[in-house]
């Protein structure tokens, strides 16, 4: 049975970091790919045992020892390793851009990348993490991320992104722009520069994820908040999950359910 744990970030980092999480498993024998759904978050993942394999174009590809999954808007298919030890940082939607060079977030959004290629300031952490526990890993990572925010003179999360994610994607971009006292085009450009995708696309992913959580935890009474009707919901489900809600529920197995717990990891998982 997988051992999964969550460490909440310190309050000063919570605008950028949703959580730290870890996963350990022994003796997995399944080779069946598992579908991990998008939720708008990016994740930085470290493997300390055998890395998982991601199915790319029908072929399983071994993941790097450390990787960034940058706000994908499609499902990721993974095959768990026989023995797993994973530690990860789950960023708030759009927040990982605060740790990038200004022009690079659009280049990585929607993909899986070796961490050393996109976040070189974290390259040395893999070896330092290996012999220590999860609490120490979280503290070390927190210190490094604080230092990077200070170096980049970032003192607060962007209020447009905060409002968008707080509403689970249901607030209109027009309303966000009006509240901020800027034009619609300015709001769109600002969100795209931070999130790597346009605000409407991000809002759709956030709304989809909130509805998936409702479906998974209360399928009999799931309220599809933010959707006009069932057909609208099913269209988004087909786009972002590449299946139907009913088929997705049928395919759930232990690890995939774990990754869709309210505080748990998102699409990026190992």
C-alpha atoms as a PDB file:
ATOM      1  CA  UNK A   1       0.000   0.000   0.000  1.00  0.00           C
ATOM      2  CA  UNK A   2       1.500   3.392  -0.926  1.00  0.00           C
ATOM      3  CA  UNK A   3       2.531   5.645   1.971  1.00  0.00           C
ATOM      4  CA  UNK A   4       1.557   9.179   1.085  1.00  0.00           C
ATOM      5  CA  UNK A   5       2.199  12.279   3.210  1.00  0.00           C
ATOM      6  CA  UNK A   6       1.601  16.020   2.810  1.00  0.00           C
ATOM      7  CA  UNK A   7       3.560  18.868   4.416  1.00  0.00           C
ATOM      8  CA  UNK A   8       1.913  22.269   4.222  1.00  0.00           C
ATOM      9  CA  UNK A   9       4.189  25.207   3.403  1.00  0.00           C
ATOM     10  CA  UNK A  10       4.905  28.001   5.850  1.00  0.00           C
ATOM     11  CA  UNK A  11       2.412  30.836   5.541  1.00  0.00           C
ATOM     12  CA  UNK A  12       4.843  33.154   3.785  1.00  0.00           C
ATOM     13  CA  UNK A  13       5.285  30.614   0.945  1.00  0.00           C
ATOM     14  CA  UNK A  14       1.650  29.530   0.624  1.00  0.00           C
ATOM     15  CA  UNK A  15       0.859  32.074  -2.144  1.00  0.00           C
ATOM     16  CA  UNK A  16       3.333  30.180  -4.351  1.00  0.00           C
ATOM     17  CA  UNK A  17       3.446  26.650  -2.893  1.00  0.00           C
ATOM     18  CA  UNK A  18       0.326  24.537  -2.419  1.00  0.00           C
ATOM     19  CA  UNK A  19       2.098  21.719  -0.590  1.00  0.00           C
ATOM     20  CA  UNK A  20       5.077  19.417  -0.363  1.00  0.00           C
ATOM     21  CA  UNK A  21       4.250  15.735  -0.667  1.00  0.00           C
ATOM     22  CA  UNK A  22       5.979  12.385  -0.544  1.00  0.00           C
ATOM     23  CA  UNK A  23       5.131   8.891  -1.713  1.00  0.00           C
ATOM     24  CA  UNK A  24       6.725   5.559  -0.858  1.00  0.00           C
ATOM     25  CA  UNK A  25       5.737   2.182  -2.187  1.00  0.00           C
ATOM     26  CA  UNK A  26       7.273  -1.286  -2.171  1.00  0.00           C
ATOM     27  CA  UNK A  27       6.493  -4.301  -4.295  1.00  0.00           C
ATOM     28  CA  UNK A  28       4.312  -2.738  -6.986  1.00  0.00           C
ATOM     29  CA  UNK A  29       3.817  -5.281  -9.757  1.00  0.00           C
ATOM     30  CA  UNK A  30       1.414  -3.414 -12.018  1.00  0.00           C
ATOM     31  CA  UNK A  31       2.541  -2.419 -15.493  1.00  0.00           C
ATOM     32  CA  UNK A  32      -0.807  -0.870 -16.416  1.00  0.00           C
ATOM     33  CA  UNK A  33      -0.491   2.841 -17.300  1.00  0.00           C
ATOM     34  CA  UNK A  34      -2.471   5.159 -15.039  1.00  0.00           C
ATOM     35  CA  UNK A  35      -4.139   8.387 -16.123  1.00  0.00           C
ATOM     36  CA  UNK A  36      -3.231  11.531 -14.149  1.00  0.00           C
ATOM     37  CA  UNK A  37      -5.473  14.499 -14.893  1.00  0.00           C
ATOM     38  CA  UNK A  38      -4.496  18.175 -15.266  1.00  0.00           C
ATOM     39  CA  UNK A  39      -5.370  20.683 -12.548  1.00  0.00           C
ATOM     40  CA  UNK A  40      -3.467  23.845 -13.499  1.00  0.00           C
ATOM     41  CA  UNK A  41      -0.609  23.227 -11.056  1.00  0.00           C
ATOM     42  CA  UNK A  42       3.046  22.588 -11.841  1.00  0.00           C
ATOM     43  CA  UNK A  43       5.074  20.108  -9.836  1.00  0.00           C
ATOM     44  CA  UNK A  44       8.769  19.648  -9.155  1.00  0.00           C
ATOM     45  CA  UNK A  45       9.436  15.957  -8.510  1.00  0.00           C
ATOM     46  CA  UNK A  46      12.460  14.117  -7.119  1.00  0.00           C
ATOM     47  CA  UNK A  47      12.892  10.349  -7.434  1.00  0.00           C
ATOM     48  CA  UNK A  48      15.100   8.613  -4.873  1.00  0.00           C
ATOM     49  CA  UNK A  49      14.355   5.062  -5.966  1.00  0.00           C
ATOM     50  CA  UNK A  50      13.439   3.811  -9.419  1.00  0.00           C
ATOM     51  CA  UNK A  51      11.859   6.596 -11.502  1.00  0.00           C
ATOM     52  CA  UNK A  52       8.431   6.050 -12.982  1.00  0.00           C
ATOM     53  CA  UNK A  53       7.870   5.679 -16.692  1.00  0.00           C
ATOM     54  CA  UNK A  54       5.705   8.045 -18.695  1.00  0.00           C
ATOM     55  CA  UNK A  55       3.906   6.744 -21.758  1.00  0.00           C
ATOM     56  CA  UNK A  56       4.824   8.988 -24.700  1.00  0.00           C
ATOM     57  CA  UNK A  57       3.412   8.206 -28.154  1.00  0.00           C
ATOM     58  CA  UNK A  58       2.580   4.698 -26.972  1.00  0.00           C
ATOM     59  CA  UNK A  59       6.046   3.924 -25.589  1.00  0.00           C
ATOM     60  CA  UNK A  60       7.086   3.950 -21.897  1.00  0.00           C
ATOM     61  CA  UNK A  61       9.920   6.434 -21.267  1.00  0.00           C
ATOM     62  CA  UNK A  62      11.872   6.508 -18.015  1.00  0.00           C
ATOM     63  CA  UNK A  63      11.486   9.816 -16.193  1.00  0.00           C
ATOM     64  CA  UNK A  64      14.549  11.820 -15.076  1.00  0.00           C
ATOM     65  CA  UNK A  65      15.662  11.600 -11.451  1.00  0.00           C
ATOM     66  CA  UNK A  66      14.230  15.104 -10.994  1.00  0.00           C
ATOM     67  CA  UNK A  67      11.681  16.735 -13.257  1.00  0.00           C
ATOM     68  CA  UNK A  68       9.304  19.632 -13.645  1.00  0.00           C
ATOM     69  CA  UNK A  69       5.801  18.993 -14.927  1.00  0.00           C
ATOM     70  CA  UNK A  70       4.693  22.443 -16.033  1.00  0.00           C
ATOM     71  CA  UNK A  71       0.932  23.022 -15.870  1.00  0.00           C
ATOM     72  CA  UNK A  72      -0.144  20.433 -18.401  1.00  0.00           C
ATOM     73  CA  UNK A  73      -3.638  20.678 -19.866  1.00  0.00           C
ATOM     74  CA  UNK A  74      -3.810  17.057 -20.940  1.00  0.00           C
ATOM     75  CA  UNK A  75      -3.678  13.744 -19.087  1.00  0.00           C
ATOM     76  CA  UNK A  76      -0.319  12.148 -18.334  1.00  0.00           C
ATOM     77  CA  UNK A  77      -0.014   8.362 -18.404  1.00  0.00           C
ATOM     78  CA  UNK A  78       2.451   6.852 -15.931  1.00  0.00           C
ATOM     79  CA  UNK A  79       3.605   3.348 -15.036  1.00  0.00           C
ATOM     80  CA  UNK A  80       4.630   3.113 -11.355  1.00  0.00           C
ATOM     81  CA  UNK A  81       7.978   1.600 -10.443  1.00  0.00           C
ATOM     82  CA  UNK A  82       8.358  -1.580  -8.406  1.00  0.00           C
ATOM     83  CA  UNK A  83       9.885   0.497  -5.605  1.00  0.00           C
ATOM     84  CA  UNK A  84       9.130   4.216  -5.224  1.00  0.00           C
ATOM     85  CA  UNK A  85      10.438   7.018  -3.068  1.00  0.00           C
ATOM     86  CA  UNK A  86       9.268  10.424  -4.251  1.00  0.00           C
ATOM     87  CA  UNK A  87       9.405  13.921  -2.824  1.00  0.00           C
ATOM     88  CA  UNK A  88       7.710  16.794  -4.635  1.00  0.00           C
ATOM     89  CA  UNK A  89       6.753  20.450  -4.520  1.00  0.00           C
ATOM     90  CA  UNK A  90       3.326  21.334  -5.812  1.00  0.00           C
ATOM     91  CA  UNK A  91       3.129  24.968  -6.941  1.00  0.00           C
ATOM     92  CA  UNK A  92       0.003  27.073  -6.999  1.00  0.00           C
ATOM     93  CA  UNK A  93      -1.392  27.603 -10.534  1.00  0.00           C
ATOM     94  CA  UNK A  94       0.831  30.065 -12.380  1.00  0.00           C
ATOM     95  CA  UNK A  95       3.251  30.417  -9.467  1.00  0.00           C
ATOM     96  CA  UNK A  96       6.198  28.450 -10.838  1.00  0.00           C
ATOM     97  CA  UNK A  97       6.887  31.299 -13.279  1.00  0.00           C
ATOM     98  CA  UNK A  98       8.175  33.380 -10.358  1.00  0.00           C
ATOM     99  CA  UNK A  99      11.227  31.107 -10.300  1.00  0.00           C
ATOM    100  CA  UNK A 100      11.994  31.333 -14.039  1.00  0.00           C
ATOM    101  CA  UNK A 101      13.737  33.806 -16.244  1.00  0.00           C
ATOM    102  CA  UNK A 102      11.020  36.207 -17.504  1.00  0.00           C
ATOM    103  CA  UNK A 103      10.659  34.816 -21.035  1.00  0.00           C
ATOM    104  CA  UNK A 104      10.874  31.089 -20.391  1.00  0.00           C
ATOM    105  CA  UNK A 105       7.559  30.032 -18.808  1.00  0.00           C
ATOM    106  CA  UNK A 106       5.710  29.814 -22.128  1.00  0.00           C
ATOM    107  CA  UNK A 107       8.454  27.561 -23.486  1.00  0.00           C
ATOM    108  CA  UNK A 108       7.978  24.897 -20.805  1.00  0.00           C
ATOM    109  CA  UNK A 109       4.255  25.112 -20.012  1.00  0.00           C
ATOM    110  CA  UNK A 110       2.379  21.962 -20.922  1.00  0.00           C
ATOM    111  CA  UNK A 111       5.418  19.688 -20.852  1.00  0.00           C
ATOM    112  CA  UNK A 112       7.630  17.457 -18.705  1.00  0.00           C
ATOM    113  CA  UNK A 113      11.261  18.571 -18.406  1.00  0.00           C
ATOM    114  CA  UNK A 114      14.417  17.530 -16.545  1.00  0.00           C
ATOM    115  CA  UNK A 115      14.608  19.906 -13.589  1.00  0.00           C
ATOM    116  CA  UNK A 116      18.258  20.782 -14.236  1.00  0.00           C
ATOM    117  CA  UNK A 117      17.295  22.202 -17.641  1.00  0.00           C
ATOM    118  CA  UNK A 118      14.612  24.593 -16.426  1.00  0.00           C
ATOM    119  CA  UNK A 119      15.416  25.308 -12.757  1.00  0.00           C
ATOM    120  CA  UNK A 120      19.211  25.154 -12.595  1.00  0.00           C
ATOM    121  CA  UNK A 121      19.343  26.772  -9.144  1.00  0.00           C
ATOM    122  CA  UNK A 122      17.857  23.534  -7.757  1.00  0.00           C
ATOM    123  CA  UNK A 123      20.354  21.205  -9.460  1.00  0.00           C
ATOM    124  CA  UNK A 124      22.358  20.536  -6.306  1.00  0.00           C
ATOM    125  CA  UNK A 125      19.369  19.554  -4.168  1.00  0.00           C
ATOM    126  CA  UNK A 126      18.957  15.980  -5.451  1.00  0.00           C
ATOM    127  CA  UNK A 127      22.080  14.746  -3.661  1.00  0.00           C
ATOM    128  CA  UNK A 128      21.405  16.809  -0.532  1.00  0.00           C
ATOM    129  CA  UNK A 129      17.860  15.429  -0.323  1.00  0.00           C
ATOM    130  CA  UNK A 130      18.808  11.763  -0.638  1.00  0.00           C
ATOM    131  CA  UNK A 131      19.939  11.015   2.954  1.00  0.00           C
ATOM    132  CA  UNK A 132      17.422  13.187   4.847  1.00  0.00           C
ATOM    133  CA  UNK A 133      13.748  12.932   5.768  1.00  0.00           C
ATOM    134  CA  UNK A 134      10.738  14.651   4.284  1.00  0.00           C
ATOM    135  CA  UNK A 135      10.496  17.422   6.898  1.00  0.00           C
ATOM    136  CA  UNK A 136      14.144  18.334   6.322  1.00  0.00           C
ATOM    137  CA  UNK A 137      13.626  18.224   2.565  1.00  0.00           C
ATOM    138  CA  UNK A 138      10.678  20.596   2.856  1.00  0.00           C
ATOM    139  CA  UNK A 139      12.667  22.984   5.073  1.00  0.00           C
ATOM    140  CA  UNK A 140      15.649  22.953   2.710  1.00  0.00           C
ATOM    141  CA  UNK A 141      13.446  23.523  -0.323  1.00  0.00           C
ATOM    142  CA  UNK A 142      11.567  26.317   1.451  1.00  0.00           C
ATOM    143  CA  UNK A 143      14.811  28.122   2.225  1.00  0.00           C
ATOM    144  CA  UNK A 144      15.967  27.796  -1.378  1.00  0.00           C
ATOM    145  CA  UNK A 145      12.677  29.051  -2.803  1.00  0.00           C
ATOM    146  CA  UNK A 146      12.613  32.003  -0.383  1.00  0.00           C
ATOM    147  CA  UNK A 147      16.104  32.935  -1.506  1.00  0.00           C
ATOM    148  CA  UNK A 148      15.056  32.815  -5.144  1.00  0.00           C
ATOM    149  CA  UNK A 149      11.990  34.994  -4.524  1.00  0.00           C
ATOM    150  CA  UNK A 150      14.175  37.508  -2.709  1.00  0.00           C
ATOM    151  CA  UNK A 151      16.735  37.484  -5.513  1.00  0.00           C
ATOM    152  CA  UNK A 152      13.983  38.217  -8.019  1.00  0.00           C
ATOM    153  CA  UNK A 153      12.421  40.884  -5.762  1.00  0.00           C
ATOM    154  CA  UNK A 154       9.082  39.039  -5.691  1.00  0.00           C
ATOM    155  CA  UNK A 155       7.111  39.992  -2.586  1.00  0.00           C
ATOM    156  CA  UNK A 156       3.565  38.840  -3.351  1.00  0.00           C
ATOM    157  CA  UNK A 157       1.612  36.529  -5.622  1.00  0.00           C
ATOM    158  CA  UNK A 158      -0.213  38.152  -8.503  1.00  0.00           C
ATOM    159  CA  UNK A 159      -3.769  39.067  -7.362  1.00  0.00           C
ATOM    160  CA  UNK A 160      -5.274  38.143 -10.735  1.00  0.00           C
ATOM    161  CA  UNK A 161      -4.001  34.578 -10.408  1.00  0.00           C
ATOM    162  CA  UNK A 162      -5.025  34.396  -6.757  1.00  0.00           C
ATOM    163  CA  UNK A 163      -8.587  35.438  -7.607  1.00  0.00           C
ATOM    164  CA  UNK A 164      -8.782  33.060 -10.573  1.00  0.00           C
ATOM    165  CA  UNK A 165      -7.679  30.010  -8.614  1.00  0.00           C
ATOM    166  CA  UNK A 166      -9.767  30.963  -5.547  1.00  0.00           C
ATOM    167  CA  UNK A 167     -12.873  30.887  -7.731  1.00  0.00           C
ATOM    168  CA  UNK A 168     -11.851  27.540  -9.286  1.00  0.00           C
ATOM    169  CA  UNK A 169     -11.937  29.236 -12.656  1.00  0.00           C
ATOM    170  CA  UNK A 170     -15.506  30.486 -12.423  1.00  0.00           C
ATOM    171  CA  UNK A 171     -14.800  34.242 -12.159  1.00  0.00           C
ATOM    172  CA  UNK A 172     -14.869  36.061 -15.486  1.00  0.00           C
ATOM    173  CA  UNK A 173     -11.706  37.618 -16.883  1.00  0.00           C
ATOM    174  CA  UNK A 174     -13.690  40.832 -17.438  1.00  0.00           C
ATOM    175  CA  UNK A 175     -14.479  40.957 -13.733  1.00  0.00           C
ATOM    176  CA  UNK A 176     -10.827  40.347 -12.809  1.00  0.00           C
ATOM    177  CA  UNK A 177      -9.710  43.169 -15.077  1.00  0.00           C
ATOM    178  CA  UNK A 178     -12.333  45.576 -13.722  1.00  0.00           C
ATOM    179  CA  UNK A 179     -11.406  44.803 -10.110  1.00  0.00           C
ATOM    180  CA  UNK A 180      -7.732  45.390 -10.896  1.00  0.00           C
ATOM    181  CA  UNK A 181      -8.461  48.637 -12.740  1.00  0.00           C
ATOM    182  CA  UNK A 182      -6.818  47.462 -15.955  1.00  0.00           C
ATOM    183  CA  UNK A 183      -8.030  46.655 -19.449  1.00  0.00           C
ATOM    184  CA  UNK A 184      -9.114  43.187 -20.496  1.00  0.00           C
ATOM    185  CA  UNK A 185      -6.124  42.921 -22.830  1.00  0.00           C
ATOM    186  CA  UNK A 186      -3.739  43.885 -20.031  1.00  0.00           C
ATOM    187  CA  UNK A 187      -5.257  41.243 -17.760  1.00  0.00           C
ATOM    188  CA  UNK A 188      -4.962  38.587 -20.452  1.00  0.00           C
ATOM    189  CA  UNK A 189      -1.329  39.444 -21.162  1.00  0.00           C
ATOM    190  CA  UNK A 190      -0.434  39.451 -17.478  1.00  0.00           C
ATOM    191  CA  UNK A 191      -1.962  36.063 -16.772  1.00  0.00           C
ATOM    192  CA  UNK A 192      -0.420  34.554 -19.900  1.00  0.00           C
ATOM    193  CA  UNK A 193       3.028  35.871 -18.928  1.00  0.00           C
ATOM    194  CA  UNK A 194       2.727  34.197 -15.519  1.00  0.00           C
ATOM    195  CA  UNK A 195       0.841  31.009 -16.339  1.00  0.00           C
ATOM    196  CA  UNK A 196       2.149  30.295 -19.824  1.00  0.00           C
ATOM    197  CA  UNK A 197      -1.426  29.966 -21.131  1.00  0.00           C
ATOM    198  CA  UNK A 198      -4.272  32.405 -21.602  1.00  0.00           C
ATOM    199  CA  UNK A 199      -6.682  33.100 -18.734  1.00  0.00           C
ATOM    200  CA  UNK A 200      -9.647  31.370 -20.395  1.00  0.00           C
ATOM    201  CA  UNK A 201      -7.665  28.185 -20.896  1.00  0.00           C
ATOM    202  CA  UNK A 202      -6.398  28.250 -17.320  1.00  0.00           C
ATOM    203  CA  UNK A 203      -9.894  28.956 -16.007  1.00  0.00           C
ATOM    204  CA  UNK A 204     -11.276  25.960 -17.914  1.00  0.00           C
ATOM    205  CA  UNK A 205      -8.620  23.640 -16.417  1.00  0.00           C
ATOM    206  CA  UNK A 206      -9.266  24.942 -12.886  1.00  0.00           C
ATOM    207  CA  UNK A 207     -13.020  24.546 -13.280  1.00  0.00           C
ATOM    208  CA  UNK A 208     -12.569  21.058 -14.721  1.00  0.00           C
ATOM    209  CA  UNK A 209     -10.373  19.986 -11.814  1.00  0.00           C
ATOM    210  CA  UNK A 210     -12.859  21.264  -9.210  1.00  0.00           C
ATOM    211  CA  UNK A 211     -15.621  19.267 -10.893  1.00  0.00           C
ATOM    212  CA  UNK A 212     -13.403  16.145 -10.997  1.00  0.00           C
ATOM    213  CA  UNK A 213     -12.802  16.442  -7.250  1.00  0.00           C
ATOM    214  CA  UNK A 214     -16.542  16.591  -6.694  1.00  0.00           C
ATOM    215  CA  UNK A 215     -17.080  13.604  -8.971  1.00  0.00           C
ATOM    216  CA  UNK A 216     -14.441  11.489  -7.226  1.00  0.00           C
ATOM    217  CA  UNK A 217     -15.460  12.230  -3.663  1.00  0.00           C
ATOM    218  CA  UNK A 218     -19.240  12.354  -4.049  1.00  0.00           C
ATOM    219  CA  UNK A 219     -20.155  10.775  -7.410  1.00  0.00           C
ATOM    220  CA  UNK A 220     -23.796  10.329  -6.439  1.00  0.00           C
ATOM    221  CA  UNK A 221     -24.313  13.996  -5.608  1.00  0.00           C
ATOM    222  CA  UNK A 222     -21.527  15.716  -7.553  1.00  0.00           C
ATOM    223  CA  UNK A 223     -22.343  19.344  -8.273  1.00  0.00           C
ATOM    224  CA  UNK A 224     -20.635  20.411 -11.468  1.00  0.00           C
ATOM    225  CA  UNK A 225     -20.157  24.002 -10.380  1.00  0.00           C
ATOM    226  CA  UNK A 226     -19.349  26.392 -13.177  1.00  0.00           C
ATOM    227  CA  UNK A 227     -20.829  24.259 -15.961  1.00  0.00           C
ATOM    228  CA  UNK A 228     -23.940  25.224 -17.856  1.00  0.00           C
ATOM    229  CA  UNK A 229     -25.084  21.648 -18.275  1.00  0.00           C
ATOM    230  CA  UNK A 230     -23.985  18.021 -18.384  1.00  0.00           C
ATOM    231  CA  UNK A 231     -23.022  18.137 -22.057  1.00  0.00           C
ATOM    232  CA  UNK A 232     -20.708  21.127 -21.396  1.00  0.00           C
ATOM    233  CA  UNK A 233     -19.025  19.140 -18.613  1.00  0.00           C
ATOM    234  CA  UNK A 234     -18.634  16.041 -20.763  1.00  0.00           C
ATOM    235  CA  UNK A 235     -17.044  18.061 -23.584  1.00  0.00           C
ATOM    236  CA  UNK A 236     -14.425  19.437 -21.194  1.00  0.00           C
ATOM    237  CA  UNK A 237     -13.874  15.988 -19.740  1.00  0.00           C
ATOM    238  CA  UNK A 238     -13.218  14.534 -23.165  1.00  0.00           C
ATOM    239  CA  UNK A 239     -10.755  17.318 -23.925  1.00  0.00           C
ATOM    240  CA  UNK A 240      -8.802  17.354 -20.665  1.00  0.00           C
ATOM    241  CA  UNK A 241      -9.083  13.671 -19.697  1.00  0.00           C
ATOM    242  CA  UNK A 242      -9.471  12.060 -23.133  1.00  0.00           C
ATOM    243  CA  UNK A 243     -12.307   9.915 -21.810  1.00  0.00           C
ATOM    244  CA  UNK A 244     -15.780  10.275 -20.319  1.00  0.00           C
ATOM    245  CA  UNK A 245     -16.630  10.806 -16.623  1.00  0.00           C
ATOM    246  CA  UNK A 246     -18.210   7.351 -16.383  1.00  0.00           C
ATOM    247  CA  UNK A 247     -15.218   5.631 -17.972  1.00  0.00           C
ATOM    248  CA  UNK A 248     -12.831   7.554 -15.738  1.00  0.00           C
ATOM    249  CA  UNK A 249     -14.633   6.433 -12.600  1.00  0.00           C
ATOM    250  CA  UNK A 250     -14.489   2.809 -13.750  1.00  0.00           C
ATOM    251  CA  UNK A 251     -10.732   2.900 -14.300  1.00  0.00           C
ATOM    252  CA  UNK A 252      -9.836   4.311 -10.879  1.00  0.00           C
ATOM    253  CA  UNK A 253      -7.281   2.311  -8.922  1.00  0.00           C
ATOM    254  CA  UNK A 254      -5.530   3.015  -5.630  1.00  0.00           C
ATOM    255  CA  UNK A 255      -2.689   5.268  -6.777  1.00  0.00           C
ATOM    256  CA  UNK A 256      -4.776   7.402  -9.103  1.00  0.00           C
ATOM    257  CA  UNK A 257      -7.350   7.960  -6.371  1.00  0.00           C
ATOM    258  CA  UNK A 258      -4.509   8.993  -4.071  1.00  0.00           C
ATOM    259  CA  UNK A 259      -3.320  11.617  -6.518  1.00  0.00           C
ATOM    260  CA  UNK A 260      -6.754  13.224  -6.637  1.00  0.00           C
ATOM    261  CA  UNK A 261      -7.168  13.653  -2.884  1.00  0.00           C
ATOM    262  CA  UNK A 262      -8.052  17.268  -1.965  1.00  0.00           C
ATOM    263  CA  UNK A 263      -4.561  18.114  -0.671  1.00  0.00           C
ATOM    264  CA  UNK A 264      -2.721  15.594  -2.737  1.00  0.00           C
ATOM    265  CA  UNK A 265      -0.508  15.700  -5.796  1.00  0.00           C
ATOM    266  CA  UNK A 266      -1.743  16.746  -9.150  1.00  0.00           C
ATOM    267  CA  UNK A 267      -1.078  15.685 -12.695  1.00  0.00           C
ATOM    268  CA  UNK A 268       2.621  15.697 -12.372  1.00  0.00           C
ATOM    269  CA  UNK A 269       3.161  12.786 -10.238  1.00  0.00           C
ATOM    270  CA  UNK A 270       6.214  10.785 -10.508  1.00  0.00           C
END
